[in-house]
C-alpha cells in the first residue's frame, strides 16, 4: 500500500506556521517515515503531482492569481486544512479591508503601477471548502502534529474548542483581569497557546483567533472595566485575526460605543 501524501502550500503569510512544522524536528522525522511529503517548498525542492491525501495551507488570498491557485490546490487535495491566522481569518494583512488599499500602495511602493493586488485579504474558506481550521499566530506544534496524524489515520483531530480562560485554569494561573486589572482577550480567544501570556502576568492578545462560542458584547464590557477606551478596544480587535467575525463584531461594538 502506498504511503499517504502530504502537501504544504504557502499564500500571503510570513512562513511562521510552516516553520512551526519544521521545528517539530524528531516528530517530523518519525512522520516522514510514514507519509510521503509530496510538496513542501520550505523544506524540499522535490514536487510530486497530486492528488494529495492531506494539504496544509498557510496564508491568505491577496491576489487574483492566488485566488485561482487555491482552487487548483482544492481540486488536488482530498483533505484541505488551513493553518494559522492568515489562512483562517486573513491575518494582519486584512487591515487593508478597513482602509484604502490604493493609498497604501501609493505610499509603500516607488512604482505602485507594477503592483497587482486585491482590495481585500481574505481567508482560504472565502474561496474554497475547507475541511479543518487550525488557528494560531503561529499554530501550536502539538496541535499541528495532532491534526496531521489524526487525518492521516482517518480520525477526527482532537482540538479543544474552549477559550484561553480554560487553559489558565488548567495551568493554575491567577486571572490577570481579576488580580491585576489587565486587559485580556482570553474569554473570546481559542485555546491552543497554553495561556502563555497570562502565565507571565500579561493579558491575552487573541493570537489564536475566536473560540467557538464567543460573546463580543460581554468582552467589550470587560475591557472597558479594565480602563480601556473604545479606541483601545478597536485597536485590540484589529490585530492577528482582524477579519474574524468575532473580532469584527468586537470592533463594531467599540465603534458604537464611541458614537454614543
Protein backbone atom coordinates (compact mmCIF):
# COMPACT_ATOMS: atom_id res chain seq x y z
CA UNK A 1 0.00 0.00 0.00
CA UNK A 2 1.37 3.41 -0.96
CA UNK A 3 2.13 5.87 1.82
CA UNK A 4 -0.34 8.77 2.15
CA UNK A 5 0.84 12.02 0.61
CA UNK A 6 1.20 15.35 2.42
CA UNK A 7 1.45 18.75 0.73
CA UNK A 8 2.17 22.13 2.33
CA UNK A 9 1.22 25.33 0.48
CA UNK A 10 2.09 28.98 1.07
CA UNK A 11 -0.01 32.02 0.22
CA UNK A 12 0.29 35.56 1.69
CA UNK A 13 1.99 34.97 5.04
CA UNK A 14 5.24 35.18 6.99
CA UNK A 15 6.03 31.40 6.82
CA UNK A 16 5.77 31.13 10.61
CA UNK A 17 3.32 28.23 10.55
CA UNK A 18 5.46 26.26 8.11
CA UNK A 19 8.46 26.90 10.36
CA UNK A 20 6.43 25.52 13.27
CA UNK A 21 6.13 22.26 11.32
CA UNK A 22 9.87 22.23 10.62
CA UNK A 23 10.55 22.93 14.31
CA UNK A 24 8.85 19.65 15.21
CA UNK A 25 12.22 18.01 14.39
CA UNK A 26 12.15 14.49 15.90
CA UNK A 27 8.39 14.16 15.46
CA UNK A 28 8.68 15.32 11.86
CA UNK A 29 11.35 12.70 11.16
CA UNK A 30 9.07 10.00 12.56
CA UNK A 31 6.18 11.34 10.49
CA UNK A 32 8.32 11.41 7.35
CA UNK A 33 8.77 7.67 7.68
CA UNK A 34 5.02 7.12 7.44
CA UNK A 35 3.98 9.66 4.81
CA UNK A 36 5.31 10.92 1.53
CA UNK A 37 5.92 14.66 1.55
CA UNK A 38 4.88 15.50 -1.99
CA UNK A 39 5.02 19.30 -1.90
CA UNK A 40 6.70 21.43 0.78
CA UNK A 41 8.91 24.10 -0.76
CA UNK A 42 10.02 25.38 2.65
CA UNK A 43 11.71 22.00 3.22
CA UNK A 44 12.42 20.43 -0.18
CA UNK A 45 12.66 21.25 -3.88
CA UNK A 46 11.00 17.94 -4.78
CA UNK A 47 7.50 18.46 -6.13
CA UNK A 48 5.29 15.48 -6.88
CA UNK A 49 1.97 15.72 -8.74
CA UNK A 50 -1.35 15.32 -6.94
CA UNK A 51 -3.80 14.27 -5.84
CA UNK A 52 -2.68 14.72 -2.23
CA UNK A 53 -4.23 12.99 0.76
CA UNK A 54 -3.73 15.99 3.08
CA UNK A 55 -2.89 19.58 2.15
CA UNK A 56 -1.87 22.14 4.77
CA UNK A 57 -2.42 25.70 3.59
CA UNK A 58 -0.73 28.72 5.17
CA UNK A 59 -1.55 32.31 4.21
CA UNK A 60 -4.42 34.46 2.99
CA UNK A 61 -5.65 35.29 -0.50
CA UNK A 62 -4.50 38.76 -1.59
CA UNK A 63 -4.08 38.47 -5.37
CA UNK A 64 -6.22 37.25 -8.26
CA UNK A 65 -3.52 34.71 -9.12
CA UNK A 66 -3.66 33.20 -5.64
CA UNK A 67 -7.45 33.05 -5.79
CA UNK A 68 -7.08 30.84 -8.86
CA UNK A 69 -4.21 28.83 -7.35
CA UNK A 70 -6.14 27.90 -4.19
CA UNK A 71 -8.90 26.47 -6.36
CA UNK A 72 -6.35 24.20 -8.06
CA UNK A 73 -4.97 23.16 -4.67
CA UNK A 74 -8.50 22.32 -3.52
CA UNK A 75 -9.14 20.19 -6.61
CA UNK A 76 -5.91 18.25 -5.97
CA UNK A 77 -6.49 17.70 -2.23
CA UNK A 78 -8.65 15.04 -0.63
CA UNK A 79 -8.47 16.89 2.72
CA UNK A 80 -7.58 20.57 2.98
CA UNK A 81 -6.55 22.10 6.31
CA UNK A 82 -5.89 25.81 6.84
CA UNK A 83 -3.19 26.60 9.40
CA UNK A 84 -2.66 29.91 11.16
CA UNK A 85 -4.36 33.29 11.46
CA UNK A 86 -3.65 34.32 7.86
CA UNK A 87 -5.29 31.23 6.37
CA UNK A 88 -8.21 31.10 8.83
CA UNK A 89 -9.07 34.81 9.08
CA UNK A 90 -6.97 36.86 6.65
CA UNK A 91 -4.13 37.73 9.04
CA UNK A 92 -2.76 41.16 9.93
CA UNK A 93 -2.72 41.98 6.21
CA UNK A 94 -6.53 42.07 6.41
CA UNK A 95 -6.17 45.52 7.98
CA UNK A 96 -6.39 46.64 4.36
CA UNK A 97 -10.04 45.58 4.45
CA UNK A 98 -10.79 48.63 6.61
CA UNK A 99 -8.79 51.14 4.58
CA UNK A 100 -8.00 52.30 1.06
CA UNK A 101 -5.58 49.80 -0.47
CA UNK A 102 -4.74 52.23 -3.26
CA UNK A 103 -3.48 54.73 -0.70
CA UNK A 104 -1.33 52.05 0.92
CA UNK A 105 0.08 51.06 -2.45
CA UNK A 106 0.97 54.65 -3.38
CA UNK A 107 2.79 55.23 -0.09
CA UNK A 108 4.68 51.94 0.21
CA UNK A 109 5.90 51.31 -3.34
CA UNK A 110 8.08 53.51 -5.53
CA UNK A 111 6.25 52.23 -8.63
CA UNK A 112 2.74 51.25 -7.47
CA UNK A 113 1.65 50.73 -11.06
CA UNK A 114 3.61 47.45 -11.05
CA UNK A 115 1.73 46.06 -8.05
CA UNK A 116 -1.23 43.79 -8.74
CA UNK A 117 -3.27 43.10 -5.64
CA UNK A 118 -6.82 42.65 -4.42
CA UNK A 119 -8.51 45.29 -2.28
CA UNK A 120 -9.00 42.73 0.50
CA UNK A 121 -7.13 39.95 2.26
CA UNK A 122 -9.44 37.01 2.82
CA UNK A 123 -9.21 33.58 4.48
CA UNK A 124 -8.98 30.43 2.40
CA UNK A 125 -12.55 29.49 3.35
CA UNK A 126 -13.83 32.54 1.45
CA UNK A 127 -12.69 30.87 -1.78
CA UNK A 128 -12.90 27.08 -1.35
CA UNK A 129 -14.33 24.48 1.02
CA UNK A 130 -12.06 23.82 4.00
CA UNK A 131 -12.14 20.53 5.90
CA UNK A 132 -10.47 21.73 9.11
CA UNK A 133 -9.13 25.00 10.51
CA UNK A 134 -6.18 25.19 12.91
CA UNK A 135 -5.80 28.60 14.49
CA UNK A 136 -2.82 30.47 15.90
CA UNK A 137 -0.16 33.03 15.03
CA UNK A 138 1.73 30.81 14.64
CA UNK A 139 -0.02 27.48 15.18
CA UNK A 140 0.92 25.35 18.16
CA UNK A 141 3.27 22.49 17.26
CA UNK A 142 1.40 19.95 19.39
CA UNK A 143 -1.92 20.82 17.79
CA UNK A 144 -0.35 20.74 14.34
CA UNK A 145 1.05 17.24 14.89
CA UNK A 146 -2.30 16.11 16.28
CA UNK A 147 -4.13 17.33 13.16
CA UNK A 148 -1.67 15.72 10.74
CA UNK A 149 -1.51 12.35 12.47
CA UNK A 150 -5.28 12.22 13.04
CA UNK A 151 -6.13 12.93 9.43
CA UNK A 152 -3.55 10.51 8.07
CA UNK A 153 -5.00 7.65 10.13
CA UNK A 154 -8.58 8.65 9.36
CA UNK A 155 -9.89 10.05 12.65
CA UNK A 156 -11.14 13.47 13.73
CA UNK A 157 -8.46 15.74 15.24
CA UNK A 158 -8.82 16.25 18.97
CA UNK A 159 -8.51 20.03 19.17
CA UNK A 160 -10.35 21.71 22.07
CA UNK A 161 -12.89 24.40 21.23
CA UNK A 162 -12.80 26.22 24.56
CA UNK A 163 -11.23 29.56 25.42
CA UNK A 164 -7.85 30.59 26.81
CA UNK A 165 -9.56 31.06 30.19
CA UNK A 166 -9.93 27.28 30.41
CA UNK A 167 -6.18 26.88 29.83
CA UNK A 168 -5.49 29.43 32.56
CA UNK A 169 -7.46 27.27 34.98
CA UNK A 170 -5.56 24.17 33.84
CA UNK A 171 -2.22 25.88 34.49
CA UNK A 172 -3.34 27.27 37.84
CA UNK A 173 -2.89 30.86 36.65
CA UNK A 174 -4.32 33.67 38.69
CA UNK A 175 -6.74 35.63 36.45
CA UNK A 176 -4.85 38.71 35.26
CA UNK A 177 -8.10 40.65 34.93
CA UNK A 178 -9.22 39.98 38.50
CA UNK A 179 -5.81 40.17 40.14
CA UNK A 180 -4.16 42.96 38.15
CA UNK A 181 -6.92 44.68 36.20
CA UNK A 182 -5.14 43.76 32.97
CA UNK A 183 -6.93 43.95 29.63
CA UNK A 184 -7.30 40.40 28.32
CA UNK A 185 -8.93 38.82 25.25
CA UNK A 186 -8.81 35.35 26.79
CA UNK A 187 -12.60 34.90 27.19
CA UNK A 188 -13.18 35.11 23.41
CA UNK A 189 -9.89 33.58 22.20
CA UNK A 190 -9.47 29.96 21.11
CA UNK A 191 -7.29 27.73 23.28
CA UNK A 192 -4.01 26.38 21.96
CA UNK A 193 -1.19 28.56 23.27
CA UNK A 194 -1.27 27.10 26.78
CA UNK A 195 -2.26 30.52 28.19
CA UNK A 196 1.28 31.71 27.52
CA UNK A 197 0.78 35.45 28.08
CA UNK A 198 -1.42 35.18 31.21
CA UNK A 199 1.15 32.78 32.68
CA UNK A 200 3.55 35.74 32.59
CA UNK A 201 1.02 38.20 34.02
CA UNK A 202 0.11 39.63 30.62
CA UNK A 203 -3.35 39.79 29.12
CA UNK A 204 -4.16 37.57 26.11
CA UNK A 205 -3.70 39.29 22.73
CA UNK A 206 -6.01 36.99 20.76
CA UNK A 207 -3.33 35.26 18.67
CA UNK A 208 -5.39 32.07 18.33
CA UNK A 209 -8.50 33.70 16.95
CA UNK A 210 -12.06 33.32 18.23
CA UNK A 211 -13.24 30.39 20.31
CA UNK A 212 -16.38 28.57 19.20
CA UNK A 213 -18.99 30.40 21.32
CA UNK A 214 -17.66 33.92 21.93
CA UNK A 215 -19.56 36.89 23.38
CA UNK A 216 -18.07 40.09 21.89
CA UNK A 217 -20.54 42.32 23.74
CA UNK A 218 -19.50 40.95 27.12
CA UNK A 219 -15.84 41.09 26.10
CA UNK A 220 -16.15 44.79 25.28
CA UNK A 221 -17.69 45.41 28.68
CA UNK A 222 -14.85 43.53 30.39
CA UNK A 223 -12.23 45.55 28.52
CA UNK A 224 -13.94 48.81 29.44
CA UNK A 225 -13.94 47.70 33.09
CA UNK A 226 -10.12 47.45 32.93
CA UNK A 227 -9.93 51.08 31.83
CA UNK A 228 -9.67 50.63 28.07
CA UNK A 229 -11.23 53.30 25.89
CA UNK A 230 -13.32 52.37 22.85
CA UNK A 231 -10.39 53.38 20.64
CA UNK A 232 -8.17 50.99 22.60
CA UNK A 233 -10.72 48.18 22.23
CA UNK A 234 -10.91 48.72 18.50
CA UNK A 235 -7.11 48.53 18.20
CA UNK A 236 -7.06 45.36 20.33
CA UNK A 237 -9.61 43.78 17.99
CA UNK A 238 -7.66 44.67 14.86
CA UNK A 239 -4.51 42.58 15.13
CA UNK A 240 -3.76 38.95 14.23
CA UNK A 241 -7.34 37.95 13.41
CA UNK A 242 -8.75 41.30 12.36
CA UNK A 243 -11.27 39.90 9.86
CA UNK A 244 -12.56 37.03 12.02
CA UNK A 245 -16.30 37.66 12.63
CA UNK A 246 -15.84 37.77 16.43
CA UNK A 247 -13.19 40.46 16.25
CA UNK A 248 -15.09 42.40 13.59
CA UNK A 249 -18.07 42.46 15.97
CA UNK A 250 -15.85 43.48 18.90
CA UNK A 251 -14.53 46.34 16.79
CA UNK A 252 -18.09 47.35 15.86
CA UNK A 253 -19.16 47.32 19.50
CA UNK A 254 -16.30 49.69 20.25
CA UNK A 255 -17.27 51.90 17.31
CA UNK A 256 -20.87 52.08 18.54
CA UNK A 257 -19.56 52.96 22.00
CA UNK A 258 -17.60 55.88 20.59
CA UNK A 259 -20.68 57.15 18.77
CA UNK A 260 -22.95 57.00 21.82
